[in-house]
Amino acid sequence: MTDRTLTHGAPTAITDDIRAHGYAILQTRVERIPKLIKGLPCQEPDGCTKTATLATLAVEEVVEDDGPLGLLLAKGEDGNPLCIVTCDDHRHEASHDLYRDLTGRMRPDGIRAFDAPGQHLSWA
């Protein structure tokens, strides 16, 4: 696994990214999302064969009373959150791909990828 650095930011950082860019990017370990099937392959289009370790999702809004995290995730036509799973090597590409899929634009400089350490995401 590649090195990762956890940088604690102000609680408004996700809201700032949503306001500035339309979405905030959330990346978390696949085991924190019980609905994901363990052992999924990396979804990098170049044909990576590694097992996915990270899930990349887009946050549309932060709310006080919607679930334990208070995050409203961007959802697909099926009602499930849009999610790209990748290996650690392709986590950077996943955030760019998801942002481009949602907006039709390249991910701008300055948008960060957030994590929710110790939290499990559930969408039933």
C-alpha atoms as a PDB file:
ATOM      1  CA  MET A   1       0.000   0.000   0.000  1.00  0.00           C
ATOM      2  CA  THR A   2       1.253   3.468  -0.796  1.00  0.00           C
ATOM      3  CA  ASP A   3       1.879   5.960   1.999  1.00  0.00           C
ATOM      4  CA  ARG A   4      -1.040   8.175   3.013  1.00  0.00           C
ATOM      5  CA  THR A   5      -0.989  11.215   5.224  1.00  0.00           C
ATOM      6  CA  LEU A   6      -4.007  12.153   7.308  1.00  0.00           C
ATOM      7  CA  THR A   7      -4.392  15.906   7.495  1.00  0.00           C
ATOM      8  CA  HIS A   8      -7.031  17.174   9.872  1.00  0.00           C
ATOM      9  CA  GLY A   9      -8.896  20.159   8.516  1.00  0.00           C
ATOM     10  CA  ALA A  10     -11.540  22.535   9.680  1.00  0.00           C
ATOM     11  CA  PRO A  11     -15.045  21.037   9.868  1.00  0.00           C
ATOM     12  CA  THR A  12     -16.128  23.380   7.094  1.00  0.00           C
ATOM     13  CA  ALA A  13     -13.592  22.026   4.579  1.00  0.00           C
ATOM     14  CA  ILE A  14     -16.066  19.657   2.880  1.00  0.00           C
ATOM     15  CA  THR A  15     -18.668  22.422   2.693  1.00  0.00           C
ATOM     16  CA  ASP A  16     -16.058  24.754   1.215  1.00  0.00           C
ATOM     17  CA  ASP A  17     -15.262  22.258  -1.554  1.00  0.00           C
ATOM     18  CA  ILE A  18     -18.957  21.737  -2.336  1.00  0.00           C
ATOM     19  CA  ARG A  19     -19.491  25.487  -2.563  1.00  0.00           C
ATOM     20  CA  ALA A  20     -16.385  26.030  -4.716  1.00  0.00           C
ATOM     21  CA  HIS A  21     -16.566  22.943  -6.954  1.00  0.00           C
ATOM     22  CA  GLY A  22     -20.100  21.545  -6.787  1.00  0.00           C
ATOM     23  CA  TYR A  23     -18.985  18.348  -5.039  1.00  0.00           C
ATOM     24  CA  ALA A  24     -16.543  17.168  -2.402  1.00  0.00           C
ATOM     25  CA  ILE A  25     -14.646  13.930  -2.962  1.00  0.00           C
ATOM     26  CA  LEU A  26     -14.744  11.251  -0.253  1.00  0.00           C
ATOM     27  CA  GLN A  27     -12.341   8.312  -0.357  1.00  0.00           C
ATOM     28  CA  THR A  28     -12.537   5.583   2.246  1.00  0.00           C
ATOM     29  CA  ARG A  29     -11.475   1.970   2.668  1.00  0.00           C
ATOM     30  CA  VAL A  30     -13.827  -0.509   0.969  1.00  0.00           C
ATOM     31  CA  GLU A  31     -14.292  -2.450   4.209  1.00  0.00           C
ATOM     32  CA  ARG A  32     -16.047   0.620   5.679  1.00  0.00           C
ATOM     33  CA  ILE A  33     -18.915   0.159   3.202  1.00  0.00           C
ATOM     34  CA  PRO A  34     -20.725  -3.073   4.105  1.00  0.00           C
ATOM     35  CA  LYS A  35     -22.767  -3.045   0.855  1.00  0.00           C
ATOM     36  CA  LEU A  36     -19.630  -3.441  -1.263  1.00  0.00           C
ATOM     37  CA  ILE A  37     -18.637  -6.972  -2.193  1.00  0.00           C
ATOM     38  CA  LYS A  38     -15.261  -7.922  -0.787  1.00  0.00           C
ATOM     39  CA  GLY A  39     -12.609  -8.671  -3.390  1.00  0.00           C
ATOM     40  CA  LEU A  40     -13.904  -6.388  -6.151  1.00  0.00           C
ATOM     41  CA  PRO A  41     -11.264  -5.674  -8.801  1.00  0.00           C
ATOM     42  CA  CYS A  42      -9.844  -2.194  -9.333  1.00  0.00           C
ATOM     43  CA  GLN A  43     -12.051  -0.250 -11.757  1.00  0.00           C
ATOM     44  CA  GLU A  44      -9.221   1.697 -13.384  1.00  0.00           C
ATOM     45  CA  PRO A  45     -10.062   1.606 -17.120  1.00  0.00           C
ATOM     46  CA  ASP A  46      -6.478   0.727 -18.085  1.00  0.00           C
ATOM     47  CA  GLY A  47      -7.091  -2.840 -16.937  1.00  0.00           C
ATOM     48  CA  CYS A  48      -5.585  -3.037 -13.450  1.00  0.00           C
ATOM     49  CA  THR A  49      -5.986  -6.531 -11.963  1.00  0.00           C
ATOM     50  CA  LYS A  50      -5.345  -5.651  -8.302  1.00  0.00           C
ATOM     51  CA  THR A  51      -8.045  -5.972  -5.659  1.00  0.00           C
ATOM     52  CA  ALA A  52      -9.843  -2.703  -4.854  1.00  0.00           C
ATOM     53  CA  THR A  53      -8.972  -1.223  -1.474  1.00  0.00           C
ATOM     54  CA  LEU A  54     -10.543   2.255  -1.728  1.00  0.00           C
ATOM     55  CA  ALA A  55     -13.994   3.556  -2.590  1.00  0.00           C
ATOM     56  CA  THR A  56     -14.335   7.043  -4.097  1.00  0.00           C
ATOM     57  CA  LEU A  57     -17.672   8.826  -3.683  1.00  0.00           C
ATOM     58  CA  ALA A  58     -18.952  12.360  -4.263  1.00  0.00           C
ATOM     59  CA  VAL A  59     -20.599  14.420  -1.514  1.00  0.00           C
ATOM     60  CA  GLU A  60     -23.349  16.787  -2.698  1.00  0.00           C
ATOM     61  CA  GLU A  61     -24.279  18.342   0.620  1.00  0.00           C
ATOM     62  CA  VAL A  62     -23.513  18.314   4.334  1.00  0.00           C
ATOM     63  CA  VAL A  63     -26.541  18.205   6.616  1.00  0.00           C
ATOM     64  CA  GLU A  64     -26.936  18.049  10.365  1.00  0.00           C
ATOM     65  CA  ASP A  65     -29.549  15.326  10.623  1.00  0.00           C
ATOM     66  CA  ASP A  66     -29.041  12.820   7.782  1.00  0.00           C
ATOM     67  CA  GLY A  67     -27.203   9.787   9.108  1.00  0.00           C
ATOM     68  CA  PRO A  68     -24.200   9.535  11.366  1.00  0.00           C
ATOM     69  CA  LEU A  69     -21.880  11.415   8.985  1.00  0.00           C
ATOM     70  CA  GLY A  70     -24.346  14.023   7.787  1.00  0.00           C
ATOM     71  CA  LEU A  71     -23.230  13.613   4.177  1.00  0.00           C
ATOM     72  CA  LEU A  72     -25.548  13.417   1.178  1.00  0.00           C
ATOM     73  CA  LEU A  73     -23.797  11.392  -1.509  1.00  0.00           C
ATOM     74  CA  ALA A  74     -24.285  11.862  -5.256  1.00  0.00           C
ATOM     75  CA  LYS A  75     -26.494   9.023  -6.506  1.00  0.00           C
ATOM     76  CA  GLY A  76     -26.955   7.244  -9.801  1.00  0.00           C
ATOM     77  CA  GLU A  77     -30.189   6.481 -11.602  1.00  0.00           C
ATOM     78  CA  ASP A  78     -30.602   3.305  -9.517  1.00  0.00           C
ATOM     79  CA  GLY A  79     -30.670   5.356  -6.313  1.00  0.00           C
ATOM     80  CA  ASN A  80     -27.337   4.027  -5.051  1.00  0.00           C
ATOM     81  CA  PRO A  81     -24.393   6.343  -4.426  1.00  0.00           C
ATOM     82  CA  LEU A  82     -22.003   6.686  -7.345  1.00  0.00           C
ATOM     83  CA  CYS A  83     -18.870   4.829  -6.364  1.00  0.00           C
ATOM     84  CA  ILE A  84     -15.590   3.962  -8.042  1.00  0.00           C
ATOM     85  CA  VAL A  85     -13.485   1.284  -6.343  1.00  0.00           C
ATOM     86  CA  THR A  86      -9.752   1.171  -6.970  1.00  0.00           C
ATOM     87  CA  CYS A  87      -6.482  -0.125  -5.631  1.00  0.00           C
ATOM     88  CA  ASP A  88      -4.283   2.328  -3.714  1.00  0.00           C
ATOM     89  CA  ASP A  89      -2.196   3.005  -6.824  1.00  0.00           C
ATOM     90  CA  HIS A  90      -5.182   4.402  -8.740  1.00  0.00           C
ATOM     91  CA  ARG A  91      -6.922   6.438  -6.018  1.00  0.00           C
ATOM     92  CA  HIS A  92      -5.876   9.736  -7.602  1.00  0.00           C
ATOM     93  CA  GLU A  93      -7.328   8.765 -10.992  1.00  0.00           C
ATOM     94  CA  ALA A  94     -10.619   7.677  -9.372  1.00  0.00           C
ATOM     95  CA  SER A  95     -11.276  11.109  -7.880  1.00  0.00           C
ATOM     96  CA  HIS A  96     -10.632  12.730 -11.264  1.00  0.00           C
ATOM     97  CA  ASP A  97     -12.799  10.177 -13.112  1.00  0.00           C
ATOM     98  CA  LEU A  98     -15.739  10.553 -10.705  1.00  0.00           C
ATOM     99  CA  TYR A  99     -15.643  14.356 -10.842  1.00  0.00           C
ATOM    100  CA  ARG A 100     -15.515  14.275 -14.650  1.00  0.00           C
ATOM    101  CA  ASP A 101     -18.419  11.784 -14.785  1.00  0.00           C
ATOM    102  CA  LEU A 102     -20.538  14.057 -12.569  1.00  0.00           C
ATOM    103  CA  THR A 103     -19.717  17.438 -14.082  1.00  0.00           C
ATOM    104  CA  GLY A 104     -18.301  16.829 -17.550  1.00  0.00           C
ATOM    105  CA  ARG A 105     -15.264  18.879 -16.469  1.00  0.00           C
ATOM    106  CA  MET A 106     -11.780  17.997 -15.319  1.00  0.00           C
ATOM    107  CA  ARG A 107     -11.328  17.988 -11.558  1.00  0.00           C
ATOM    108  CA  PRO A 108     -10.005  21.441 -10.612  1.00  0.00           C
ATOM    109  CA  ASP A 109      -6.849  22.119  -8.656  1.00  0.00           C
ATOM    110  CA  GLY A 110      -7.569  22.665  -4.999  1.00  0.00           C
ATOM    111  CA  ILE A 111     -10.355  20.109  -4.552  1.00  0.00           C
ATOM    112  CA  ARG A 112      -9.332  17.658  -1.838  1.00  0.00           C
ATOM    113  CA  ALA A 113     -10.171  14.025  -1.140  1.00  0.00           C
ATOM    114  CA  PHE A 114     -11.618  13.518   2.346  1.00  0.00           C
ATOM    115  CA  ASP A 115     -11.832  10.387   4.477  1.00  0.00           C
ATOM    116  CA  ALA A 116     -14.162   9.424   7.301  1.00  0.00           C
ATOM    117  CA  PRO A 117     -11.845   7.503   9.639  1.00  0.00           C
ATOM    118  CA  GLY A 118     -13.596   4.989  11.834  1.00  0.00           C
ATOM    119  CA  GLN A 119     -16.971   5.606  10.194  1.00  0.00           C
ATOM    120  CA  HIS A 120     -18.917   3.039   8.227  1.00  0.00           C
ATOM    121  CA  LEU A 121     -21.058   4.144   5.312  1.00  0.00           C
ATOM    122  CA  SER A 122     -24.414   2.525   4.736  1.00  0.00           C
ATOM    123  CA  TRP A 123     -27.054   3.091   2.114  1.00  0.00           C
ATOM    124  CA  ALA A 124     -30.036   0.812   2.343  1.00  0.00           C
END
